[in-house]
N, C-alpha and C. Protein backbone atom coordinates (compact mmCIF):
# COMPACT_ATOMS: atom_id res chain seq x y z
N MET A 1 -21.59 163.28 93.76
CA MET A 1 -21.19 163.06 92.36
C MET A 1 -20.27 161.63 92.03
N LYS A 2 -20.32 161.55 90.57
CA LYS A 2 -20.13 160.29 90.18
C LYS A 2 -18.23 160.35 89.48
N TYR A 3 -17.62 159.67 90.03
CA TYR A 3 -16.38 159.35 89.24
C TYR A 3 -15.62 158.59 88.96
N ASP A 4 -15.75 158.59 87.41
CA ASP A 4 -15.35 157.39 86.73
C ASP A 4 -13.87 157.42 86.11
N GLU A 5 -13.28 158.53 86.22
CA GLU A 5 -11.89 158.61 85.80
C GLU A 5 -10.88 157.55 86.97
N LYS A 6 -9.85 156.96 85.61
CA LYS A 6 -8.86 156.08 86.50
C LYS A 6 -7.68 156.95 86.72
N ARG A 7 -8.21 157.86 88.15
CA ARG A 7 -6.81 158.70 88.31
C ARG A 7 -6.97 158.33 90.09
N ASP A 8 -5.70 158.88 90.46
CA ASP A 8 -5.47 158.60 91.73
C ASP A 8 -5.58 159.89 92.49
N PHE A 9 -5.71 160.88 91.89
CA PHE A 9 -6.42 162.34 92.40
C PHE A 9 -7.64 163.17 91.32
N MET A 10 -8.85 163.14 91.98
CA MET A 10 -9.96 163.84 91.06
C MET A 10 -9.10 165.55 90.37
N ARG A 11 -9.68 165.78 89.25
CA ARG A 11 -9.06 166.75 88.59
C ARG A 11 -10.01 168.00 88.92
N THR A 12 -9.81 169.35 89.10
CA THR A 12 -10.52 170.30 89.22
C THR A 12 -10.03 171.52 87.72
N ASN A 13 -11.45 171.36 87.15
CA ASN A 13 -11.14 172.42 86.09
C ASN A 13 -11.01 173.80 86.49
N LEU A 14 -10.14 174.25 85.94
CA LEU A 14 -9.87 176.25 86.33
C LEU A 14 -9.84 176.68 84.95
N ASP A 15 -10.04 178.02 85.29
CA ASP A 15 -9.73 179.03 84.29
C ASP A 15 -9.02 180.26 84.72
N SER A 16 -7.94 180.14 84.95
CA SER A 16 -6.98 180.85 85.57
C SER A 16 -5.74 180.99 85.47
N GLU A 17 -5.64 182.75 85.15
CA GLU A 17 -4.35 182.93 84.72
C GLU A 17 -3.19 182.29 85.69
N MET A 18 -1.91 181.77 84.81
CA MET A 18 -0.89 181.25 85.70
C MET A 18 0.79 181.91 85.05
N HIS A 19 1.72 181.75 85.55
CA HIS A 19 3.11 181.89 85.34
C HIS A 19 3.62 180.58 85.20
N TYR A 20 4.64 180.77 84.10
CA TYR A 20 6.07 179.49 84.11
C TYR A 20 7.04 179.69 83.72
N ARG A 21 8.50 179.21 83.99
CA ARG A 21 9.36 179.30 83.63
C ARG A 21 10.04 178.10 83.33
N GLN A 22 10.77 178.19 82.19
CA GLN A 22 11.97 176.59 82.36
C GLN A 22 12.94 177.17 83.16
N VAL A 23 13.39 175.89 84.03
CA VAL A 23 13.72 176.29 85.40
C VAL A 23 15.30 176.97 85.09
N ASP A 24 15.80 176.99 83.92
CA ASP A 24 17.39 177.56 83.83
C ASP A 24 17.09 179.08 82.79
N SER A 25 15.87 179.19 83.20
CA SER A 25 15.66 180.81 83.07
C SER A 25 15.26 181.74 83.69
N ASN A 26 15.29 183.00 84.06
CA ASN A 26 14.81 184.03 84.58
C ASN A 26 13.55 184.74 84.11
N GLN A 27 13.21 184.19 83.43
CA GLN A 27 11.85 184.97 82.50
C GLN A 27 10.48 184.02 82.49
N PHE A 28 9.63 184.38 83.24
CA PHE A 28 8.26 183.80 83.24
C PHE A 28 7.30 184.08 82.32
N ASN A 29 6.46 183.41 81.65
CA ASN A 29 5.61 183.28 80.52
C ASN A 29 4.43 183.18 81.18
N LEU A 30 3.70 183.90 80.69
CA LEU A 30 2.13 183.88 80.94
C LEU A 30 1.24 182.71 80.08
N ALA A 31 0.16 182.05 81.24
CA ALA A 31 -0.70 180.80 80.19
C ALA A 31 -1.79 181.17 81.31
N LYS A 32 -2.75 180.15 80.71
CA LYS A 32 -3.85 179.64 81.08
C LYS A 32 -4.05 178.70 81.73
N CYS A 33 -4.27 178.49 82.90
CA CYS A 33 -3.90 177.18 83.54
C CYS A 33 -5.65 176.42 83.71
N ILE A 34 -6.00 175.42 82.98
CA ILE A 34 -7.04 174.71 82.82
C ILE A 34 -7.42 173.65 83.48
N SER A 35 -6.28 172.92 84.31
CA SER A 35 -6.82 171.92 85.20
C SER A 35 -5.64 171.72 86.18
N LEU A 36 -5.97 171.31 87.41
CA LEU A 36 -5.25 171.16 88.29
C LEU A 36 -5.58 169.84 89.39
N SER A 37 -4.68 169.23 89.71
CA SER A 37 -5.08 167.97 90.65
C SER A 37 -3.79 167.41 91.60
N GLY A 38 -3.84 166.68 92.19
CA GLY A 38 -3.20 166.08 93.21
C GLY A 38 -1.50 165.80 92.85
N ALA A 39 -1.54 165.59 91.52
CA ALA A 39 -0.53 165.11 90.51
C ALA A 39 -0.16 166.21 89.52
N GLY A 40 -0.89 166.82 88.97
CA GLY A 40 -0.55 167.44 87.89
C GLY A 40 -1.16 168.89 87.33
N VAL A 41 -0.92 169.88 86.15
CA VAL A 41 -1.34 170.90 86.31
C VAL A 41 -1.35 170.80 85.09
N SER A 42 -2.42 170.99 84.18
CA SER A 42 -2.70 171.20 82.73
C SER A 42 -2.67 172.74 82.19
N PHE A 43 -1.80 173.34 81.15
CA PHE A 43 -2.39 174.83 80.74
C PHE A 43 -2.11 175.11 79.41
N ILE A 44 -2.58 176.14 78.97
CA ILE A 44 -2.66 176.32 77.74
C ILE A 44 -1.42 177.54 77.61
N THR A 45 -0.62 177.71 76.62
CA THR A 45 0.39 178.75 75.89
C THR A 45 0.56 178.95 74.49
N SER A 46 1.39 179.60 74.18
CA SER A 46 1.55 179.82 72.70
C SER A 46 3.04 179.75 72.56
N ILE A 47 3.70 179.27 73.93
CA ILE A 47 5.02 179.00 73.65
C ILE A 47 5.31 177.84 73.93
N ILE A 48 6.17 176.82 72.69
CA ILE A 48 5.87 175.39 72.97
C ILE A 48 6.65 174.99 74.27
N CYS A 49 6.68 174.12 74.67
CA CYS A 49 7.51 173.38 75.97
C CYS A 49 7.75 171.89 75.27
N TYR A 50 8.45 171.08 75.85
CA TYR A 50 9.12 170.06 75.45
C TYR A 50 8.77 168.93 76.57
N GLU A 51 8.19 167.77 75.68
CA GLU A 51 8.35 166.83 76.92
C GLU A 51 9.81 166.39 77.89
N GLY A 52 9.60 165.88 78.68
CA GLY A 52 10.70 165.72 79.73
C GLY A 52 11.06 167.05 80.49
N GLU A 53 10.79 168.37 79.72
CA GLU A 53 11.40 169.60 80.51
C GLU A 53 10.79 169.90 81.78
N ALA A 54 11.73 170.33 82.56
CA ALA A 54 11.37 171.05 83.85
C ALA A 54 10.77 172.31 83.90
N LEU A 55 9.60 172.76 84.79
CA LEU A 55 9.37 174.27 84.71
C LEU A 55 9.15 174.51 86.02
N GLU A 56 9.20 175.78 86.41
CA GLU A 56 8.48 176.03 87.52
C GLU A 56 7.34 176.82 87.49
N ILE A 57 6.47 176.96 88.18
CA ILE A 57 4.96 177.10 87.95
C ILE A 57 4.37 178.06 88.80
N LYS A 58 3.38 178.89 88.70
CA LYS A 58 3.03 179.81 89.89
C LYS A 58 1.77 180.26 89.61
N ILE A 59 0.67 179.92 90.27
CA ILE A 59 -0.67 179.99 90.05
C ILE A 59 -1.60 180.60 91.26
N PRO A 60 -1.66 181.92 90.89
CA PRO A 60 -2.23 182.89 91.65
C PRO A 60 -3.47 182.24 92.59
N PRO A 61 -3.52 182.86 93.83
CA PRO A 61 -4.94 182.04 94.45
C PRO A 61 -6.27 182.90 93.99
N GLN A 62 -7.21 182.28 93.89
CA GLN A 62 -8.58 182.89 93.51
C GLN A 62 -9.27 183.98 95.02
N ASN A 63 -8.54 183.93 95.84
CA ASN A 63 -9.14 184.73 96.93
C ASN A 63 -8.17 184.91 97.70
N ALA A 64 -8.28 186.00 98.69
CA ALA A 64 -7.08 186.49 99.56
C ALA A 64 -6.97 185.60 100.44
N ILE A 65 -7.48 184.44 100.68
CA ILE A 65 -6.86 183.70 102.21
C ILE A 65 -6.18 182.72 101.65
N THR A 66 -5.87 182.52 100.29
CA THR A 66 -4.90 181.39 100.28
C THR A 66 -3.50 181.98 99.46
N HIS A 67 -2.59 181.33 99.57
CA HIS A 67 -1.44 181.63 98.69
C HIS A 67 -1.09 181.05 97.37
N VAL A 68 0.08 181.98 96.88
CA VAL A 68 0.57 181.37 95.29
C VAL A 68 0.42 180.23 95.54
N LEU A 69 0.17 179.50 94.36
CA LEU A 69 0.72 177.54 94.32
C LEU A 69 2.01 178.04 93.87
N THR A 70 3.06 177.51 93.95
CA THR A 70 4.50 177.34 93.50
C THR A 70 4.93 176.22 93.47
N ALA A 71 5.35 175.42 92.17
CA ALA A 71 5.38 174.22 92.07
C ALA A 71 6.63 174.20 90.94
N PHE A 72 7.44 173.14 91.23
CA PHE A 72 8.28 172.41 89.96
C PHE A 72 7.64 171.11 89.05
N VAL A 73 7.49 171.27 88.17
CA VAL A 73 6.66 170.25 87.55
C VAL A 73 7.68 169.94 86.48
N GLN A 74 7.29 168.54 85.60
CA GLN A 74 7.80 167.70 84.52
C GLN A 74 6.69 168.11 83.63
N VAL A 75 6.92 168.18 82.34
CA VAL A 75 6.21 168.36 80.98
C VAL A 75 6.18 166.63 80.73
N ILE A 76 4.91 166.09 80.53
CA ILE A 76 4.70 164.84 80.38
C ILE A 76 3.91 164.54 79.03
N ARG A 77 3.15 165.91 78.70
CA ARG A 77 2.47 165.72 77.23
C ARG A 77 2.25 166.83 76.76
N VAL A 78 2.53 166.99 75.16
CA VAL A 78 2.34 168.58 74.79
C VAL A 78 1.46 168.00 73.59
N THR A 79 0.18 168.92 73.47
CA THR A 79 -0.59 169.12 72.46
C THR A 79 -0.46 170.24 71.33
N LEU A 80 -0.62 170.29 70.38
CA LEU A 80 -0.73 171.04 69.56
C LEU A 80 -2.37 171.15 69.24
N LEU A 81 -2.90 172.53 70.03
CA LEU A 81 -4.51 172.90 69.63
C LEU A 81 -4.93 173.72 68.69
N LEU A 82 -4.04 174.98 68.27
CA LEU A 82 -4.03 175.46 67.18
C LEU A 82 -2.67 176.08 66.51
N GLU A 83 -2.66 176.91 65.65
CA GLU A 83 -1.25 177.20 65.42
C GLU A 83 -0.64 178.31 66.44
N ASN A 84 0.63 178.34 66.80
CA ASN A 84 0.97 178.84 68.61
C ASN A 84 0.27 178.65 69.42
N LYS A 85 -0.75 177.47 69.80
CA LYS A 85 -1.42 177.36 70.97
C LYS A 85 -0.96 175.86 71.34
N TYR A 86 -0.55 175.47 72.07
CA TYR A 86 -0.21 174.69 72.67
C TYR A 86 -0.93 174.25 73.88
N GLU A 87 -1.85 173.02 74.88
CA GLU A 87 -1.65 172.40 75.74
C GLU A 87 -0.66 171.56 76.08
N ILE A 88 0.09 171.86 77.67
CA ILE A 88 0.90 171.39 78.11
C ILE A 88 0.28 170.50 79.38
N ALA A 89 0.65 169.56 79.81
CA ALA A 89 0.25 168.44 80.60
C ALA A 89 1.55 168.04 81.59
N THR A 90 1.34 168.57 83.12
CA THR A 90 2.70 168.06 83.52
C THR A 90 2.36 167.70 84.71
N LEU A 91 3.41 166.88 85.53
CA LEU A 91 3.46 166.29 86.65
C LEU A 91 4.39 167.07 87.75
N ILE A 92 3.66 167.23 88.69
CA ILE A 92 4.22 168.21 89.95
C ILE A 92 5.06 167.26 90.92
N LYS A 93 6.17 167.75 90.53
CA LYS A 93 7.39 167.17 91.27
C LYS A 93 7.40 167.66 92.56
N THR A 94 7.88 168.92 92.47
CA THR A 94 7.84 169.08 94.21
C THR A 94 6.74 170.58 94.11
N ILE A 95 6.41 170.90 95.23
CA ILE A 95 5.59 171.84 95.86
C ILE A 95 6.48 173.03 96.86
N LYS A 96 6.70 173.94 96.26
CA LYS A 96 7.40 175.14 97.26
C LYS A 96 6.70 175.78 98.48
N GLY A 97 7.01 175.57 99.14
CA GLY A 97 6.49 175.92 100.59
C GLY A 97 6.53 177.21 100.86
């Protein structure tokens, strides 16, 4: 496999359901995870997030032998895709064990 991206970690493209919440809220929102790397997560949601915002994310496993990925992330980029659809790029700050 040829790897031309200038990244510290390879990115894995996903099409997986995930949940996220603002750290000062108890309500989780549904989103679609589109990519995951050792440094960050990107997802699509209908609820806008803001650069610098802290979120807790939960990505369920694709099989029964792995655990839910739970992490605290910081929003680094927000891209409007369509009306009420946003691509959110985040930086992983902490993975919960």
